[in-house]
Amino acid sequence: MSVNKVILVGFVGKNPDIRYIDGVAMASFSLATTERQRTSPTGVVIPERTEWHNIVMWAKDAEIAERYITKGTKLYIEGRLKTRVWQDKAALKHNITEIIVENFDILQRPATGSTPTTPPPPEINKN
């Protein structure tokens, strides 16, 4: 048996890039997760560290992302890792690891002006 499962809670780094492939919506964007600064048992201060993740959503999830997810949105994401390899025009090989979303929930939308941050309507939250 094997398991390929990722769970992330973080903030969207840029507005989703929406494309249609054979008529199916695809959204891609970055998500930041941050480990807080802490002190080890030996007294060593370990600084805050941010990881950036490449997120991919398909079909209905991508359509929801297009309407409701913007830079600064706090998301809960469940998905699986997928690594792609490709060559550019200069024949250089590139690797990218993405999280393919299987389930997500919008936890908090970014504040606009003085309006308090509120979650989207309940029908948008997915579980």
C-alpha atoms as a PDB file:
ATOM      1  CA  MET A   1       0.000   0.000   0.000  1.00  0.00           C
ATOM      2  CA  SER A   2       1.171   3.560  -0.669  1.00  0.00           C
ATOM      3  CA  VAL A   3      -0.222   6.989   0.160  1.00  0.00           C
ATOM      4  CA  ASN A   4       0.244  10.287  -1.671  1.00  0.00           C
ATOM      5  CA  LYS A   5      -1.565  12.849   0.502  1.00  0.00           C
ATOM      6  CA  VAL A   6      -0.817  16.499   1.240  1.00  0.00           C
ATOM      7  CA  ILE A   7      -2.666  18.770   3.666  1.00  0.00           C
ATOM      8  CA  LEU A   8      -1.810  22.475   3.694  1.00  0.00           C
ATOM      9  CA  VAL A   9      -3.176  25.584   5.380  1.00  0.00           C
ATOM     10  CA  GLY A  10      -1.710  28.771   3.986  1.00  0.00           C
ATOM     11  CA  PHE A  11      -2.179  32.018   2.111  1.00  0.00           C
ATOM     12  CA  VAL A  12      -2.526  32.456  -1.655  1.00  0.00           C
ATOM     13  CA  GLY A  13       0.499  34.304  -3.063  1.00  0.00           C
ATOM     14  CA  LYS A  14      -1.024  35.470  -6.358  1.00  0.00           C
ATOM     15  CA  ASN A  15      -4.394  35.510  -8.058  1.00  0.00           C
ATOM     16  CA  PRO A  16      -5.129  32.180  -9.763  1.00  0.00           C
ATOM     17  CA  ASP A  17      -4.097  31.825 -13.398  1.00  0.00           C
ATOM     18  CA  ILE A  18      -7.133  30.318 -15.167  1.00  0.00           C
ATOM     19  CA  ARG A  19      -6.804  28.352 -18.405  1.00  0.00           C
ATOM     20  CA  TYR A  20      -9.075  25.999 -20.309  1.00  0.00           C
ATOM     21  CA  ILE A  21      -7.632  22.749 -21.600  1.00  0.00           C
ATOM     22  CA  ASP A  22      -9.965  20.845 -23.935  1.00  0.00           C
ATOM     23  CA  GLY A  23     -12.833  22.851 -22.439  1.00  0.00           C
ATOM     24  CA  VAL A  24     -11.939  21.984 -18.821  1.00  0.00           C
ATOM     25  CA  ALA A  25     -10.985  24.801 -16.449  1.00  0.00           C
ATOM     26  CA  MET A  26      -7.591  24.679 -14.737  1.00  0.00           C
ATOM     27  CA  ALA A  27      -6.439  27.114 -12.054  1.00  0.00           C
ATOM     28  CA  SER A  28      -2.857  27.428 -10.861  1.00  0.00           C
ATOM     29  CA  PHE A  29      -1.408  29.643  -8.139  1.00  0.00           C
ATOM     30  CA  SER A  30       1.122  29.682  -5.326  1.00  0.00           C
ATOM     31  CA  LEU A  31       0.359  29.043  -1.655  1.00  0.00           C
ATOM     32  CA  ALA A  32       2.627  30.076   1.227  1.00  0.00           C
ATOM     33  CA  THR A  33       2.938  28.097   4.449  1.00  0.00           C
ATOM     34  CA  THR A  34       5.048  29.482   7.285  1.00  0.00           C
ATOM     35  CA  GLU A  35       6.719  27.771  10.202  1.00  0.00           C
ATOM     36  CA  ARG A  36       6.963  30.197  13.109  1.00  0.00           C
ATOM     37  CA  GLN A  37      10.211  31.122  14.787  1.00  0.00           C
ATOM     38  CA  ARG A  38      10.962  28.842  17.719  1.00  0.00           C
ATOM     39  CA  THR A  39      13.658  28.040  20.205  1.00  0.00           C
ATOM     40  CA  SER A  40      15.070  24.506  20.329  1.00  0.00           C
ATOM     41  CA  PRO A  41      15.473  22.647  23.628  1.00  0.00           C
ATOM     42  CA  THR A  42      19.168  23.594  23.536  1.00  0.00           C
ATOM     43  CA  GLY A  43      18.336  27.311  23.285  1.00  0.00           C
ATOM     44  CA  VAL A  44      19.071  27.760  19.572  1.00  0.00           C
ATOM     45  CA  VAL A  45      16.662  30.195  17.893  1.00  0.00           C
ATOM     46  CA  ILE A  46      15.277  28.701  14.681  1.00  0.00           C
ATOM     47  CA  PRO A  47      14.045  31.530  12.425  1.00  0.00           C
ATOM     48  CA  GLU A  48      10.640  31.707  10.731  1.00  0.00           C
ATOM     49  CA  ARG A  49      10.610  29.868   7.402  1.00  0.00           C
ATOM     50  CA  THR A  50       8.152  30.170   4.502  1.00  0.00           C
ATOM     51  CA  GLU A  51       7.628  27.453   1.902  1.00  0.00           C
ATOM     52  CA  TRP A  52       5.931  28.180  -1.438  1.00  0.00           C
ATOM     53  CA  HIS A  53       3.772  25.479  -3.028  1.00  0.00           C
ATOM     54  CA  ASN A  54       2.476  25.240  -6.598  1.00  0.00           C
ATOM     55  CA  ILE A  55      -1.264  24.540  -6.481  1.00  0.00           C
ATOM     56  CA  VAL A  56      -3.377  23.171  -9.357  1.00  0.00           C
ATOM     57  CA  MET A  57      -7.183  22.901  -9.386  1.00  0.00           C
ATOM     58  CA  TRP A  58      -9.335  21.379 -12.121  1.00  0.00           C
ATOM     59  CA  ALA A  59     -12.914  21.621 -13.393  1.00  0.00           C
ATOM     60  CA  LYS A  60     -15.479  22.934 -10.871  1.00  0.00           C
ATOM     61  CA  ASP A  61     -12.783  23.621  -8.262  1.00  0.00           C
ATOM     62  CA  ALA A  62     -10.955  25.817 -10.796  1.00  0.00           C
ATOM     63  CA  GLU A  63     -14.185  27.694 -11.568  1.00  0.00           C
ATOM     64  CA  ILE A  64     -14.691  28.345  -7.838  1.00  0.00           C
ATOM     65  CA  ALA A  65     -11.075  29.521  -7.600  1.00  0.00           C
ATOM     66  CA  GLU A  66     -11.650  31.945 -10.481  1.00  0.00           C
ATOM     67  CA  ARG A  67     -14.628  33.524  -8.686  1.00  0.00           C
ATOM     68  CA  TYR A  68     -13.616  33.464  -5.019  1.00  0.00           C
ATOM     69  CA  ILE A  69      -9.871  32.982  -4.534  1.00  0.00           C
ATOM     70  CA  THR A  70      -7.541  35.984  -4.694  1.00  0.00           C
ATOM     71  CA  LYS A  71      -4.110  36.894  -3.411  1.00  0.00           C
ATOM     72  CA  GLY A  72      -4.174  36.762   0.399  1.00  0.00           C
ATOM     73  CA  THR A  73      -7.003  34.220   0.698  1.00  0.00           C
ATOM     74  CA  LYS A  74      -6.403  31.685   3.478  1.00  0.00           C
ATOM     75  CA  LEU A  75      -7.046  28.132   2.248  1.00  0.00           C
ATOM     76  CA  TYR A  76      -7.210  24.614   3.619  1.00  0.00           C
ATOM     77  CA  ILE A  77      -6.109  22.218   0.878  1.00  0.00           C
ATOM     78  CA  GLU A  78      -6.030  18.445   0.586  1.00  0.00           C
ATOM     79  CA  GLY A  79      -4.414  16.930  -2.452  1.00  0.00           C
ATOM     80  CA  ARG A  80      -1.648  14.818  -3.890  1.00  0.00           C
ATOM     81  CA  LEU A  81       1.866  15.542  -5.105  1.00  0.00           C
ATOM     82  CA  LYS A  82       2.655  15.382  -8.802  1.00  0.00           C
ATOM     83  CA  THR A  83       6.036  16.098 -10.380  1.00  0.00           C
ATOM     84  CA  ARG A  84       6.333  17.148 -14.006  1.00  0.00           C
ATOM     85  CA  VAL A  85       9.487  17.304 -16.139  1.00  0.00           C
ATOM     86  CA  TRP A  86       9.835  19.312 -19.351  1.00  0.00           C
ATOM     87  CA  GLN A  87      12.451  20.841 -21.645  1.00  0.00           C
ATOM     88  CA  ASP A  88      12.524  24.503 -22.600  1.00  0.00           C
ATOM     89  CA  LYS A  89      13.564  25.962 -25.985  1.00  0.00           C
ATOM     90  CA  ALA A  90      17.223  25.857 -24.937  1.00  0.00           C
ATOM     91  CA  ALA A  91      16.884  22.113 -24.218  1.00  0.00           C
ATOM     92  CA  LEU A  92      17.243  22.674 -20.482  1.00  0.00           C
ATOM     93  CA  LYS A  93      15.375  20.176 -18.347  1.00  0.00           C
ATOM     94  CA  HIS A  94      12.996  21.581 -15.698  1.00  0.00           C
ATOM     95  CA  ASN A  95      11.178  19.887 -12.817  1.00  0.00           C
ATOM     96  CA  ILE A  96       8.171  21.212 -10.957  1.00  0.00           C
ATOM     97  CA  THR A  97       6.297  19.648  -8.051  1.00  0.00           C
ATOM     98  CA  GLU A  98       2.623  20.575  -7.777  1.00  0.00           C
ATOM     99  CA  ILE A  99      -0.195  19.845  -5.372  1.00  0.00           C
ATOM    100  CA  ILE A 100      -3.219  18.601  -7.314  1.00  0.00           C
ATOM    101  CA  VAL A 101      -6.214  19.666  -5.217  1.00  0.00           C
ATOM    102  CA  GLU A 102      -8.766  17.018  -4.315  1.00  0.00           C
ATOM    103  CA  ASN A 103     -10.594  18.995  -1.595  1.00  0.00           C
ATOM    104  CA  PHE A 104     -10.363  22.536  -0.277  1.00  0.00           C
ATOM    105  CA  ASP A 105     -12.023  25.068   1.969  1.00  0.00           C
ATOM    106  CA  ILE A 106     -11.814  28.844   1.913  1.00  0.00           C
ATOM    107  CA  LEU A 107     -10.993  29.780   5.501  1.00  0.00           C
ATOM    108  CA  GLN A 108     -10.650  33.540   5.181  1.00  0.00           C
ATOM    109  CA  ARG A 109     -10.788  36.048   2.367  1.00  0.00           C
ATOM    110  CA  PRO A 110      -8.484  39.063   2.318  1.00  0.00           C
ATOM    111  CA  ALA A 111      -9.799  42.299   3.782  1.00  0.00           C
ATOM    112  CA  THR A 112     -10.610  45.079   1.310  1.00  0.00           C
ATOM    113  CA  GLY A 113     -10.287  48.551   2.756  1.00  0.00           C
ATOM    114  CA  SER A 114     -11.895  48.708   6.191  1.00  0.00           C
ATOM    115  CA  THR A 115     -14.298  45.820   5.560  1.00  0.00           C
ATOM    116  CA  PRO A 116     -13.646  42.967   7.996  1.00  0.00           C
ATOM    117  CA  THR A 117     -12.415  39.676   6.556  1.00  0.00           C
ATOM    118  CA  THR A 118     -15.288  37.258   6.051  1.00  0.00           C
ATOM    119  CA  PRO A 119     -15.524  33.774   4.595  1.00  0.00           C
ATOM    120  CA  PRO A 120     -17.393  33.193   1.319  1.00  0.00           C
ATOM    121  CA  PRO A 121     -20.996  32.068   1.238  1.00  0.00           C
ATOM    122  CA  PRO A 122     -21.450  28.565   2.768  1.00  0.00           C
ATOM    123  CA  GLU A 123     -22.173  26.902  -0.574  1.00  0.00           C
ATOM    124  CA  ILE A 124     -18.622  27.708  -1.714  1.00  0.00           C
ATOM    125  CA  ASN A 125     -16.910  25.951   1.194  1.00  0.00           C
ATOM    126  CA  LYS A 126     -16.131  22.341   0.239  1.00  0.00           C
ATOM    127  CA  ASN A 127     -15.622  19.415   2.580  1.00  0.00           C
END
